[in-house]
Amino acid sequence: MFLAMTGSSLSPAAVPHSVIVAGLGAQQIGVIVLTILFAGFFASNRVETLALRAPRGGWGMLVLLLVPLFAITGAWSAFMWWWRPEVVLGDLRIFSELLHGESGILALLIIAVGAPLSEELLFRGFLFSGLAKSRLGLIGTSVLTAVLWTTLHYGYSIFGLLEVLAIGLYFSWLLVRTGSLWAPIFSHAVYNTVIGLVLYFVTLPPPA
C-alpha cells in the first residue's frame, strides 16, 4: 500500500537510498499533478470528478472506518507472522532499509503522504469515476481498480498481494459508502503511517 512501484528490482543494496526516495517522490508528485489535470479534461469540476467532497456521515466517520481495516489486516498479519514470518519480513525489508537509510524522514513522508495521495487520486479517484459509469458498474469497477492497484505491488509475496487486493476492495467500498475519496485517502494514509512508524523505530532481524 505504500511505495507501490518500487518493485523487487529496486533493492536498496543495488541503488542508493537517496536515489530511490527521490525517484519515488518525483513519481508521486507527477501522478498527483497529471491526475488532477486530466480530471479537468473530462469535467469542469475536478472536485466532483475525483470525489473530493465531504464524506456522507461526517468527517468523524473516517475514524470509525479504520476499525475494520486494522482488525482485518491485524488478524491477517498475526496469522502470517505465526505461519510464515519470513514472508512478512521479506515484504517489509526494503521499506525498513529505506526508512533506516540517510533519507529516512523523506521516505516516511513518501510512505505516509505521497503514496496515499497519488495512488488514491489515480485509482479510486480518476479511474473509478470513469469506469463506474461503464457496463462494469460499481462492483466491476471496484474489482478492476483493486486488481490494477495490486499489480503495482508486484515485488510483494503472493500473500502480500492478497492482502493488498483485500485492502483495495475495502478502499473501494469506503469510496462508495461515503461518496468521498477522502475516506480511502485517510485510511490509506493512517495505515501507511502506522506501518512506516513501526518500521522506522524497530529494526527487523537480518535475513536468515
N, C-alpha and C. Protein backbone atom coordinates (compact mmCIF):
# COMPACT_ATOMS: atom_id res chain seq x y z
N MET A 1 0.79 -1.20 0.00
CA MET A 1 0.00 0.00 0.00
C MET A 1 0.82 1.26 0.00
N PHE A 2 2.12 1.04 0.10
CA PHE A 2 2.98 2.22 0.06
C PHE A 2 4.21 1.89 -0.76
N LEU A 3 4.79 2.91 -1.35
CA LEU A 3 5.92 2.70 -2.25
C LEU A 3 5.61 1.60 -3.24
N ALA A 4 4.41 1.63 -3.78
CA ALA A 4 3.92 0.51 -4.56
C ALA A 4 4.82 0.18 -5.74
N MET A 5 5.44 1.18 -6.33
CA MET A 5 6.16 0.93 -7.56
C MET A 5 7.66 0.76 -7.38
N THR A 6 8.07 0.38 -6.18
CA THR A 6 9.49 0.08 -6.01
C THR A 6 9.84 -1.20 -6.72
N GLY A 7 9.02 -2.22 -6.51
CA GLY A 7 9.30 -3.50 -7.14
C GLY A 7 10.51 -4.17 -6.55
N SER A 8 10.68 -5.43 -6.88
CA SER A 8 11.79 -6.19 -6.33
C SER A 8 13.12 -5.80 -6.94
N SER A 9 13.10 -5.11 -8.09
CA SER A 9 14.34 -4.78 -8.77
C SER A 9 15.06 -3.59 -8.14
N LEU A 10 14.32 -2.76 -7.40
CA LEU A 10 14.92 -1.57 -6.80
C LEU A 10 15.35 -1.87 -5.38
N SER A 11 16.24 -2.78 -5.21
CA SER A 11 16.73 -3.11 -3.88
C SER A 11 17.69 -2.04 -3.41
N PRO A 12 17.56 -1.60 -2.15
CA PRO A 12 18.48 -0.60 -1.63
C PRO A 12 19.93 -1.05 -1.68
N ALA A 13 20.15 -2.36 -1.77
CA ALA A 13 21.52 -2.85 -1.86
C ALA A 13 22.14 -2.52 -3.21
N ALA A 14 21.29 -2.34 -4.24
CA ALA A 14 21.78 -2.08 -5.58
C ALA A 14 21.70 -0.61 -5.96
N VAL A 15 20.76 0.13 -5.39
CA VAL A 15 20.54 1.53 -5.72
C VAL A 15 20.60 2.35 -4.43
N PRO A 16 21.31 3.49 -4.43
CA PRO A 16 21.38 4.33 -3.23
C PRO A 16 19.99 4.71 -2.72
N HIS A 17 19.86 4.77 -1.39
CA HIS A 17 18.58 5.13 -0.79
C HIS A 17 18.07 6.46 -1.33
N SER A 18 18.95 7.44 -1.41
CA SER A 18 18.53 8.78 -1.82
C SER A 18 17.96 8.78 -3.23
N VAL A 19 18.52 7.95 -4.10
CA VAL A 19 18.03 7.87 -5.49
C VAL A 19 16.64 7.25 -5.53
N ILE A 20 16.44 6.18 -4.79
CA ILE A 20 15.12 5.53 -4.74
C ILE A 20 14.07 6.48 -4.19
N VAL A 21 14.39 7.12 -3.07
CA VAL A 21 13.43 8.01 -2.41
C VAL A 21 13.10 9.21 -3.30
N ALA A 22 14.14 9.81 -3.89
CA ALA A 22 13.91 10.96 -4.77
C ALA A 22 13.08 10.56 -5.99
N GLY A 23 13.38 9.40 -6.54
CA GLY A 23 12.63 8.92 -7.70
C GLY A 23 11.17 8.67 -7.38
N LEU A 24 10.93 8.05 -6.24
CA LEU A 24 9.56 7.79 -5.83
C LEU A 24 8.80 9.09 -5.54
N GLY A 25 9.47 10.04 -4.89
CA GLY A 25 8.84 11.31 -4.61
C GLY A 25 8.46 12.05 -5.89
N ALA A 26 9.36 12.07 -6.85
CA ALA A 26 9.08 12.72 -8.13
C ALA A 26 7.95 12.02 -8.87
N GLN A 27 7.96 10.71 -8.80
CA GLN A 27 6.91 9.92 -9.45
C GLN A 27 5.55 10.23 -8.84
N GLN A 28 5.49 10.28 -7.53
CA GLN A 28 4.22 10.54 -6.86
C GLN A 28 3.70 11.94 -7.16
N ILE A 29 4.59 12.92 -7.14
CA ILE A 29 4.17 14.29 -7.48
C ILE A 29 3.65 14.34 -8.91
N GLY A 30 4.33 13.67 -9.82
CA GLY A 30 3.90 13.63 -11.21
C GLY A 30 2.52 13.01 -11.36
N VAL A 31 2.28 11.91 -10.67
CA VAL A 31 0.97 11.25 -10.74
C VAL A 31 -0.12 12.16 -10.20
N ILE A 32 0.13 12.82 -9.09
CA ILE A 32 -0.86 13.73 -8.50
C ILE A 32 -1.20 14.86 -9.46
N VAL A 33 -0.17 15.51 -9.99
CA VAL A 33 -0.39 16.66 -10.89
C VAL A 33 -1.12 16.23 -12.16
N LEU A 34 -0.67 15.15 -12.77
CA LEU A 34 -1.27 14.70 -14.04
C LEU A 34 -2.70 14.22 -13.83
N THR A 35 -2.95 13.55 -12.71
CA THR A 35 -4.32 13.08 -12.45
C THR A 35 -5.27 14.25 -12.30
N ILE A 36 -4.86 15.26 -11.55
CA ILE A 36 -5.71 16.44 -11.38
C ILE A 36 -5.93 17.16 -12.70
N LEU A 37 -4.88 17.27 -13.50
CA LEU A 37 -5.00 17.94 -14.80
C LEU A 37 -5.94 17.18 -15.73
N PHE A 38 -5.76 15.85 -15.83
CA PHE A 38 -6.60 15.06 -16.73
C PHE A 38 -8.05 15.03 -16.26
N ALA A 39 -8.26 15.10 -14.95
CA ALA A 39 -9.63 15.12 -14.43
C ALA A 39 -10.37 16.34 -14.95
N GLY A 40 -9.66 17.44 -15.16
CA GLY A 40 -10.27 18.66 -15.68
C GLY A 40 -10.63 18.57 -17.14
N PHE A 41 -10.01 17.64 -17.88
CA PHE A 41 -10.32 17.48 -19.29
C PHE A 41 -11.68 16.79 -19.50
N PHE A 42 -12.10 15.98 -18.54
CA PHE A 42 -13.33 15.20 -18.68
C PHE A 42 -14.52 15.83 -17.97
N ALA A 43 -14.27 16.81 -17.13
CA ALA A 43 -15.36 17.51 -16.46
C ALA A 43 -14.84 18.86 -15.97
N SER A 44 -15.74 19.81 -15.88
CA SER A 44 -15.33 21.15 -15.46
C SER A 44 -15.02 21.22 -13.98
N ASN A 45 -15.62 20.32 -13.22
CA ASN A 45 -15.46 20.33 -11.77
C ASN A 45 -14.56 19.17 -11.34
N ARG A 46 -13.29 19.46 -11.12
CA ARG A 46 -12.34 18.41 -10.75
C ARG A 46 -12.68 17.79 -9.39
N VAL A 47 -13.19 18.61 -8.48
CA VAL A 47 -13.54 18.12 -7.14
C VAL A 47 -14.59 17.02 -7.24
N GLU A 48 -15.61 17.23 -8.06
CA GLU A 48 -16.66 16.23 -8.22
C GLU A 48 -16.15 15.01 -8.99
N THR A 49 -15.36 15.24 -10.01
CA THR A 49 -14.83 14.13 -10.80
C THR A 49 -14.01 13.19 -9.94
N LEU A 50 -13.20 13.74 -9.05
CA LEU A 50 -12.34 12.94 -8.20
C LEU A 50 -12.98 12.61 -6.85
N ALA A 51 -14.24 13.00 -6.69
CA ALA A 51 -14.99 12.73 -5.45
C ALA A 51 -14.30 13.31 -4.22
N LEU A 52 -13.70 14.48 -4.37
CA LEU A 52 -13.03 15.15 -3.25
C LEU A 52 -14.01 16.03 -2.48
N ARG A 53 -15.14 15.43 -2.18
CA ARG A 53 -16.21 16.13 -1.45
C ARG A 53 -16.23 15.64 0.00
N ALA A 54 -16.97 16.32 0.84
CA ALA A 54 -17.10 15.89 2.23
C ALA A 54 -17.80 14.54 2.29
N PRO A 55 -17.36 13.65 3.17
CA PRO A 55 -17.96 12.31 3.23
C PRO A 55 -19.35 12.32 3.84
N ARG A 56 -20.21 11.43 3.33
CA ARG A 56 -21.51 11.24 3.95
C ARG A 56 -21.32 10.68 5.35
N GLY A 57 -22.05 11.22 6.30
CA GLY A 57 -21.90 10.77 7.68
C GLY A 57 -20.95 11.61 8.49
N GLY A 58 -20.30 12.57 7.82
CA GLY A 58 -19.40 13.47 8.53
C GLY A 58 -17.96 12.96 8.59
N TRP A 59 -17.07 13.86 8.94
CA TRP A 59 -15.64 13.53 8.96
C TRP A 59 -15.30 12.54 10.07
N GLY A 60 -16.08 12.54 11.14
CA GLY A 60 -15.82 11.61 12.22
C GLY A 60 -15.98 10.16 11.80
N MET A 61 -16.79 9.93 10.75
CA MET A 61 -16.99 8.59 10.24
C MET A 61 -15.68 7.96 9.77
N LEU A 62 -14.76 8.80 9.31
CA LEU A 62 -13.49 8.28 8.78
C LEU A 62 -12.69 7.55 9.85
N VAL A 63 -12.79 8.02 11.08
CA VAL A 63 -12.08 7.36 12.18
C VAL A 63 -12.69 6.00 12.47
N LEU A 64 -14.01 5.92 12.49
CA LEU A 64 -14.69 4.66 12.75
C LEU A 64 -14.37 3.62 11.68
N LEU A 65 -14.21 4.08 10.44
CA LEU A 65 -13.96 3.16 9.34
C LEU A 65 -12.55 2.58 9.36
N LEU A 66 -11.72 3.09 10.27
CA LEU A 66 -10.38 2.50 10.43
C LEU A 66 -10.45 1.16 11.18
N VAL A 67 -11.50 0.99 11.98
CA VAL A 67 -11.61 -0.21 12.83
C VAL A 67 -11.62 -1.49 12.01
N PRO A 68 -12.48 -1.63 10.99
CA PRO A 68 -12.45 -2.86 10.19
C PRO A 68 -11.11 -3.07 9.48
N LEU A 69 -10.52 -1.97 9.00
CA LEU A 69 -9.24 -2.07 8.29
C LEU A 69 -8.17 -2.69 9.17
N PHE A 70 -8.02 -2.15 10.37
CA PHE A 70 -6.96 -2.64 11.25
C PHE A 70 -7.32 -3.99 11.88
N ALA A 71 -8.60 -4.26 12.04
CA ALA A 71 -9.00 -5.56 12.59
C ALA A 71 -8.65 -6.68 11.61
N ILE A 72 -8.98 -6.46 10.34
CA ILE A 72 -8.75 -7.50 9.33
C ILE A 72 -7.26 -7.65 9.02
N THR A 73 -6.59 -6.52 8.78
CA THR A 73 -5.16 -6.61 8.44
C THR A 73 -4.34 -7.07 9.64
N GLY A 74 -4.77 -6.67 10.84
CA GLY A 74 -4.07 -7.11 12.04
C GLY A 74 -4.17 -8.62 12.22
N ALA A 75 -5.38 -9.16 12.01
CA ALA A 75 -5.57 -10.60 12.13
C ALA A 75 -4.76 -11.35 11.08
N TRP A 76 -4.78 -10.83 9.85
CA TRP A 76 -4.02 -11.48 8.77
C TRP A 76 -2.53 -11.44 9.05
N SER A 77 -2.03 -10.29 9.49
CA SER A 77 -0.60 -10.15 9.78
C SER A 77 -0.18 -11.06 10.93
N ALA A 78 -1.04 -11.17 11.95
CA ALA A 78 -0.73 -12.04 13.09
C ALA A 78 -0.65 -13.50 12.64
N PHE A 79 -1.60 -13.89 11.78
CA PHE A 79 -1.58 -15.26 11.25
C PHE A 79 -0.33 -15.51 10.43
N MET A 80 0.00 -14.57 9.55
CA MET A 80 1.18 -14.74 8.69
C MET A 80 2.46 -14.75 9.52
N TRP A 81 2.51 -13.92 10.55
CA TRP A 81 3.70 -13.89 11.41
C TRP A 81 3.88 -15.21 12.15
N TRP A 82 2.75 -15.84 12.49
CA TRP A 82 2.81 -17.14 13.16
C TRP A 82 3.18 -18.26 12.18
N TRP A 83 2.60 -18.19 10.96
CA TRP A 83 2.76 -19.27 9.99
C TRP A 83 4.02 -19.13 9.15
N ARG A 84 4.21 -17.92 8.55
CA ARG A 84 5.34 -17.70 7.64
C ARG A 84 6.00 -16.36 7.94
N PRO A 85 6.68 -16.24 9.07
CA PRO A 85 7.28 -14.94 9.43
C PRO A 85 8.30 -14.46 8.41
N GLU A 86 8.99 -15.39 7.75
CA GLU A 86 9.98 -14.98 6.75
C GLU A 86 9.35 -14.26 5.57
N VAL A 87 8.10 -14.59 5.26
CA VAL A 87 7.38 -13.92 4.18
C VAL A 87 7.07 -12.48 4.57
N VAL A 88 6.59 -12.29 5.80
CA VAL A 88 6.28 -10.94 6.30
C VAL A 88 7.54 -10.09 6.29
N LEU A 89 8.63 -10.64 6.80
CA LEU A 89 9.88 -9.90 6.85
C LEU A 89 10.38 -9.56 5.44
N GLY A 90 10.21 -10.49 4.52
CA GLY A 90 10.65 -10.24 3.15
C GLY A 90 9.89 -9.10 2.50
N ASP A 91 8.58 -9.04 2.75
CA ASP A 91 7.77 -7.96 2.17
C ASP A 91 8.11 -6.60 2.77
N LEU A 92 8.54 -6.60 4.03
CA LEU A 92 8.78 -5.33 4.73
C LEU A 92 10.23 -4.85 4.65
N ARG A 93 11.14 -5.74 4.28
CA ARG A 93 12.56 -5.42 4.43
C ARG A 93 13.01 -4.21 3.62
N ILE A 94 12.58 -4.09 2.38
CA ILE A 94 13.04 -2.97 1.55
C ILE A 94 12.61 -1.63 2.16
N PHE A 95 11.40 -1.60 2.73
CA PHE A 95 10.91 -0.37 3.34
C PHE A 95 11.65 -0.06 4.62
N SER A 96 11.96 -1.10 5.38
CA SER A 96 12.74 -0.91 6.60
C SER A 96 14.11 -0.35 6.28
N GLU A 97 14.74 -0.85 5.24
CA GLU A 97 16.07 -0.38 4.87
C GLU A 97 16.04 1.06 4.38
N LEU A 98 15.00 1.41 3.64
CA LEU A 98 14.86 2.80 3.19
C LEU A 98 14.64 3.74 4.37
N LEU A 99 13.81 3.31 5.30
CA LEU A 99 13.49 4.15 6.47
C LEU A 99 14.68 4.31 7.40
N HIS A 100 15.60 3.35 7.37
CA HIS A 100 16.79 3.43 8.22
C HIS A 100 17.99 3.99 7.45
N GLY A 101 17.76 4.42 6.22
CA GLY A 101 18.84 5.00 5.42
C GLY A 101 18.98 6.48 5.67
N GLU A 102 19.83 7.12 4.86
CA GLU A 102 20.12 8.55 5.06
C GLU A 102 18.93 9.44 4.72
N SER A 103 17.95 8.92 3.96
CA SER A 103 16.77 9.70 3.61
C SER A 103 15.53 9.15 4.31
N GLY A 104 15.70 8.68 5.53
CA GLY A 104 14.63 8.02 6.25
C GLY A 104 13.39 8.88 6.47
N ILE A 105 13.57 10.14 6.85
CA ILE A 105 12.43 11.02 7.11
C ILE A 105 11.65 11.27 5.82
N LEU A 106 12.38 11.51 4.73
CA LEU A 106 11.71 11.73 3.45
C LEU A 106 10.99 10.47 3.01
N ALA A 107 11.60 9.31 3.24
CA ALA A 107 10.95 8.04 2.90
C ALA A 107 9.65 7.87 3.68
N LEU A 108 9.66 8.29 4.95
CA LEU A 108 8.47 8.20 5.77
C LEU A 108 7.36 9.10 5.22
N LEU A 109 7.71 10.29 4.76
CA LEU A 109 6.73 11.18 4.16
C LEU A 109 6.16 10.60 2.87
N ILE A 110 7.00 9.96 2.09
CA ILE A 110 6.55 9.34 0.85
C ILE A 110 5.59 8.20 1.14
N ILE A 111 5.89 7.43 2.18
CA ILE A 111 5.03 6.32 2.57
C ILE A 111 3.71 6.82 3.13
N ALA A 112 3.78 7.81 4.02
CA ALA A 112 2.59 8.25 4.77
C ALA A 112 1.71 9.23 4.00
N VAL A 113 2.30 10.02 3.11
CA VAL A 113 1.55 11.07 2.42
C VAL A 113 1.53 10.87 0.91
N GLY A 114 2.70 10.71 0.32
CA GLY A 114 2.80 10.63 -1.13
C GLY A 114 2.07 9.44 -1.73
N ALA A 115 2.27 8.26 -1.16
CA ALA A 115 1.63 7.06 -1.71
C ALA A 115 0.10 7.12 -1.61
N PRO A 116 -0.45 7.45 -0.44
CA PRO A 116 -1.92 7.53 -0.37
C PRO A 116 -2.53 8.55 -1.33
N LEU A 117 -1.94 9.73 -1.41
CA LEU A 117 -2.50 10.76 -2.30
C LEU A 117 -2.41 10.36 -3.76
N SER A 118 -1.22 9.96 -4.21
CA SER A 118 -1.04 9.65 -5.63
C SER A 118 -1.85 8.42 -6.05
N GLU A 119 -1.81 7.37 -5.25
CA GLU A 119 -2.49 6.14 -5.62
C GLU A 119 -4.00 6.26 -5.55
N GLU A 120 -4.52 6.91 -4.52
CA GLU A 120 -5.97 7.05 -4.40
C GLU A 120 -6.53 8.00 -5.45
N LEU A 121 -5.83 9.09 -5.73
CA LEU A 121 -6.30 10.01 -6.77
C LEU A 121 -6.39 9.30 -8.12
N LEU A 122 -5.39 8.48 -8.42
CA LEU A 122 -5.37 7.80 -9.72
C LEU A 122 -6.38 6.66 -9.79
N PHE A 123 -6.36 5.76 -8.80
CA PHE A 123 -7.17 4.55 -8.91
C PHE A 123 -8.60 4.72 -8.40
N ARG A 124 -8.78 5.16 -7.16
CA ARG A 124 -10.12 5.32 -6.63
C ARG A 124 -10.74 6.65 -6.99
N GLY A 125 -9.94 7.59 -7.52
CA GLY A 125 -10.47 8.87 -7.94
C GLY A 125 -10.73 8.90 -9.43
N PHE A 126 -9.70 9.06 -10.21
CA PHE A 126 -9.82 9.25 -11.66
C PHE A 126 -10.38 8.01 -12.37
N LEU A 127 -9.73 6.85 -12.19
CA LEU A 127 -10.16 5.65 -12.89
C LEU A 127 -11.55 5.19 -12.43
N PHE A 128 -11.77 5.20 -11.13
CA PHE A 128 -13.05 4.72 -10.59
C PHE A 128 -14.21 5.55 -11.12
N SER A 129 -14.07 6.86 -11.12
CA SER A 129 -15.18 7.73 -11.54
C SER A 129 -15.55 7.49 -12.99
N GLY A 130 -14.56 7.21 -13.84
CA GLY A 130 -14.86 6.97 -15.24
C GLY A 130 -15.41 5.57 -15.48
N LEU A 131 -14.79 4.56 -14.90
CA LEU A 131 -15.19 3.18 -15.14
C LEU A 131 -16.53 2.84 -14.52
N ALA A 132 -16.88 3.49 -13.41
CA ALA A 132 -18.14 3.19 -12.73
C ALA A 132 -19.35 3.54 -13.60
N LYS A 133 -19.15 4.42 -14.58
CA LYS A 133 -20.24 4.81 -15.47
C LYS A 133 -20.39 3.85 -16.64
N SER A 134 -19.45 2.91 -16.77
CA SER A 134 -19.49 1.95 -17.86
C SER A 134 -20.32 0.73 -17.46
N ARG A 135 -20.29 -0.31 -18.31
CA ARG A 135 -21.03 -1.53 -18.02
C ARG A 135 -20.49 -2.26 -16.79
N LEU A 136 -19.29 -1.92 -16.39
CA LEU A 136 -18.70 -2.57 -15.22
C LEU A 136 -19.51 -2.29 -13.96
N GLY A 137 -20.05 -1.09 -13.86
CA GLY A 137 -20.78 -0.71 -12.67
C GLY A 137 -19.87 -0.57 -11.47
N LEU A 138 -20.46 -0.42 -10.30
CA LEU A 138 -19.68 -0.20 -9.10
C LEU A 138 -18.88 -1.44 -8.69
N ILE A 139 -19.52 -2.61 -8.76
CA ILE A 139 -18.83 -3.83 -8.32
C ILE A 139 -17.68 -4.16 -9.25
N GLY A 140 -17.94 -4.15 -10.56
CA GLY A 140 -16.88 -4.45 -11.52
C GLY A 140 -15.74 -3.46 -11.45
N THR A 141 -16.09 -2.19 -11.28
CA THR A 141 -15.06 -1.15 -11.16
C THR A 141 -14.25 -1.32 -9.89
N SER A 142 -14.91 -1.68 -8.80
CA SER A 142 -14.20 -1.90 -7.54
C SER A 142 -13.18 -3.01 -7.69
N VAL A 143 -13.59 -4.10 -8.32
CA VAL A 143 -12.69 -5.24 -8.51
C VAL A 143 -11.54 -4.87 -9.44
N LEU A 144 -11.86 -4.24 -10.57
CA LEU A 144 -10.83 -3.92 -11.55
C LEU A 144 -9.80 -2.95 -11.00
N THR A 145 -10.25 -1.87 -10.35
CA THR A 145 -9.29 -0.90 -9.82
C THR A 145 -8.45 -1.51 -8.69
N ALA A 146 -9.05 -2.41 -7.91
CA ALA A 146 -8.29 -3.08 -6.85
C ALA A 146 -7.23 -3.99 -7.44
N VAL A 147 -7.58 -4.70 -8.52
CA VAL A 147 -6.62 -5.58 -9.19
C VAL A 147 -5.49 -4.77 -9.81
N LEU A 148 -5.84 -3.68 -10.50
CA LEU A 148 -4.82 -2.83 -11.11
C LEU A 148 -3.89 -2.25 -10.05
N TRP A 149 -4.45 -1.82 -8.95
CA TRP A 149 -3.65 -1.27 -7.85
C TRP A 149 -2.73 -2.35 -7.27
N THR A 150 -3.24 -3.55 -7.18
CA THR A 150 -2.44 -4.65 -6.65
C THR A 150 -1.24 -4.95 -7.54
N THR A 151 -1.41 -4.82 -8.86
CA THR A 151 -0.30 -5.12 -9.77
C THR A 151 0.89 -4.18 -9.55
N LEU A 152 0.65 -3.00 -8.99
CA LEU A 152 1.76 -2.09 -8.71
C LEU A 152 2.66 -2.62 -7.61
N HIS A 153 2.15 -3.55 -6.84
CA HIS A 153 2.91 -4.10 -5.71
C HIS A 153 3.54 -5.44 -6.09
N TYR A 154 3.95 -5.54 -7.35
CA TYR A 154 4.43 -6.82 -7.89
C TYR A 154 5.64 -7.37 -7.16
N GLY A 155 6.35 -6.58 -6.39
CA GLY A 155 7.52 -7.08 -5.67
C GLY A 155 7.16 -7.83 -4.40
N TYR A 156 5.87 -7.82 -4.01
CA TYR A 156 5.45 -8.49 -2.79
C TYR A 156 5.31 -10.00 -3.01
N SER A 157 5.24 -10.74 -1.92
CA SER A 157 4.93 -12.16 -1.99
C SER A 157 3.47 -12.33 -2.37
N ILE A 158 3.08 -13.55 -2.73
CA ILE A 158 1.68 -13.80 -3.08
C ILE A 158 0.77 -13.50 -1.91
N PHE A 159 1.25 -13.75 -0.70
CA PHE A 159 0.44 -13.47 0.49
C PHE A 159 0.29 -11.97 0.70
N GLY A 160 1.35 -11.22 0.42
CA GLY A 160 1.28 -9.78 0.50
C GLY A 160 0.34 -9.21 -0.54
N LEU A 161 0.35 -9.79 -1.75
CA LEU A 161 -0.53 -9.32 -2.81
C LEU A 161 -1.99 -9.57 -2.48
N LEU A 162 -2.27 -10.70 -1.84
CA LEU A 162 -3.65 -10.99 -1.44
C LEU A 162 -4.14 -9.96 -0.42
N GLU A 163 -3.26 -9.57 0.49
CA GLU A 163 -3.62 -8.56 1.47
C GLU A 163 -3.87 -7.22 0.79
N VAL A 164 -3.02 -6.87 -0.16
CA VAL A 164 -3.19 -5.61 -0.88
C VAL A 164 -4.51 -5.61 -1.64
N LEU A 165 -4.84 -6.73 -2.28
CA LEU A 165 -6.10 -6.83 -3.03
C LEU A 165 -7.29 -6.63 -2.10
N ALA A 166 -7.26 -7.27 -0.95
CA ALA A 166 -8.36 -7.14 0.00
C ALA A 166 -8.50 -5.70 0.48
N ILE A 167 -7.37 -5.06 0.75
CA ILE A 167 -7.41 -3.66 1.19
C ILE A 167 -7.93 -2.77 0.07
N GLY A 168 -7.53 -3.06 -1.16
CA GLY A 168 -8.02 -2.28 -2.29
C GLY A 168 -9.54 -2.38 -2.43
N LEU A 169 -10.08 -3.57 -2.23
CA LEU A 169 -11.53 -3.73 -2.28
C LEU A 169 -12.21 -2.96 -1.14
N TYR A 170 -11.57 -2.97 0.02
CA TYR A 170 -12.13 -2.23 1.15
C TYR A 170 -12.10 -0.72 0.88
N PHE A 171 -11.01 -0.23 0.30
CA PHE A 171 -10.93 1.19 -0.03
C PHE A 171 -12.00 1.58 -1.05
N SER A 172 -12.28 0.68 -2.01
CA SER A 172 -13.35 0.96 -2.97
C SER A 172 -14.69 1.03 -2.27
N TRP A 173 -14.90 0.13 -1.30
CA TRP A 173 -16.15 0.17 -0.54
C TRP A 173 -16.27 1.47 0.24
N LEU A 174 -15.15 1.92 0.81
CA LEU A 174 -15.16 3.20 1.54
C LEU A 174 -15.60 4.34 0.63
N LEU A 175 -15.11 4.35 -0.59
CA LEU A 175 -15.47 5.40 -1.54
C LEU A 175 -16.96 5.37 -1.83
N VAL A 176 -17.49 4.19 -2.09
CA VAL A 176 -18.91 4.06 -2.39
C VAL A 176 -19.75 4.38 -1.15
N ARG A 177 -19.32 3.90 0.00
CA ARG A 177 -20.08 4.08 1.24
C ARG A 177 -20.18 5.55 1.65
N THR A 178 -19.09 6.27 1.51
CA THR A 178 -19.06 7.67 1.97
C THR A 178 -19.26 8.67 0.84
N GLY A 179 -19.09 8.23 -0.40
CA GLY A 179 -19.19 9.14 -1.53
C GLY A 179 -18.02 10.10 -1.64
N SER A 180 -16.96 9.82 -0.90
CA SER A 180 -15.84 10.75 -0.85
C SER A 180 -14.50 10.00 -0.96
N LEU A 181 -13.63 10.52 -1.81
CA LEU A 181 -12.29 9.94 -1.93
C LEU A 181 -11.46 10.18 -0.68
N TRP A 182 -11.87 11.16 0.15
CA TRP A 182 -11.11 11.42 1.37
C TRP A 182 -11.14 10.23 2.32
N ALA A 183 -12.15 9.38 2.21
CA ALA A 183 -12.23 8.20 3.09
C ALA A 183 -11.10 7.22 2.79
N PRO A 184 -10.92 6.75 1.54
CA PRO A 184 -9.78 5.87 1.28
C PRO A 184 -8.44 6.58 1.43
N ILE A 185 -8.36 7.86 1.11
CA ILE A 185 -7.10 8.58 1.29
C ILE A 185 -6.71 8.58 2.77
N PHE A 186 -7.67 8.90 3.63
CA PHE A 186 -7.40 8.95 5.07
C PHE A 186 -7.02 7.58 5.61
N SER A 187 -7.78 6.55 5.26
CA SER A 187 -7.48 5.20 5.74
C SER A 187 -6.13 4.73 5.24
N HIS A 188 -5.86 4.98 3.97
CA HIS A 188 -4.58 4.60 3.36
C HIS A 188 -3.43 5.31 4.08
N ALA A 189 -3.61 6.60 4.35
CA ALA A 189 -2.54 7.38 4.99
C ALA A 189 -2.29 6.91 6.42
N VAL A 190 -3.35 6.66 7.17
CA VAL A 190 -3.18 6.20 8.55
C VAL A 190 -2.53 4.83 8.58
N TYR A 191 -2.98 3.93 7.72
CA TYR A 191 -2.41 2.59 7.65
C TYR A 191 -0.92 2.64 7.32
N ASN A 192 -0.57 3.41 6.30
CA ASN A 192 0.84 3.52 5.92
C ASN A 192 1.67 4.19 7.00
N THR A 193 1.08 5.19 7.66
CA THR A 193 1.81 5.89 8.72
C THR A 193 2.14 4.95 9.86
N VAL A 194 1.17 4.16 10.28
CA VAL A 194 1.39 3.22 11.37
C VAL A 194 2.51 2.23 11.01
N ILE A 195 2.43 1.64 9.82
CA ILE A 195 3.46 0.69 9.41
C ILE A 195 4.80 1.39 9.27
N GLY A 196 4.79 2.59 8.67
CA GLY A 196 6.03 3.32 8.49
C GLY A 196 6.70 3.67 9.80
N LEU A 197 5.93 4.10 10.79
CA LEU A 197 6.50 4.45 12.09
C LEU A 197 7.05 3.22 12.81
N VAL A 198 6.33 2.11 12.71
CA VAL A 198 6.82 0.88 13.32
C VAL A 198 8.17 0.48 12.71
N LEU A 199 8.24 0.52 11.38
CA LEU A 199 9.48 0.14 10.71
C LEU A 199 10.60 1.15 10.95
N TYR A 200 10.21 2.42 11.19
CA TYR A 200 11.21 3.46 11.43
C TYR A 200 11.88 3.27 12.79
N PHE A 201 11.09 2.86 13.77
CA PHE A 201 11.63 2.75 15.13
C PHE A 201 12.06 1.33 15.51
N VAL A 202 11.67 0.37 14.71
CA VAL A 202 12.02 -1.03 15.01
C VAL A 202 12.92 -1.57 13.90
N THR A 203 14.00 -2.19 14.29
CA THR A 203 14.93 -2.79 13.33
C THR A 203 14.56 -4.25 13.11
N LEU A 204 14.34 -4.62 11.87
CA LEU A 204 14.00 -6.01 11.57
C LEU A 204 15.23 -6.91 11.73
N PRO A 205 15.01 -8.17 12.10
CA PRO A 205 16.15 -9.08 12.20
C PRO A 205 16.77 -9.30 10.84
N PRO A 206 18.06 -9.58 10.77
CA PRO A 206 18.71 -9.81 9.47
C PRO A 206 18.17 -11.05 8.79
N PRO A 207 18.25 -11.11 7.45
CA PRO A 207 17.77 -12.30 6.74
C PRO A 207 18.51 -13.56 7.19
N ALA A 208 17.79 -14.65 7.21
CA ALA A 208 18.40 -15.91 7.65
C ALA A 208 19.42 -16.40 6.62
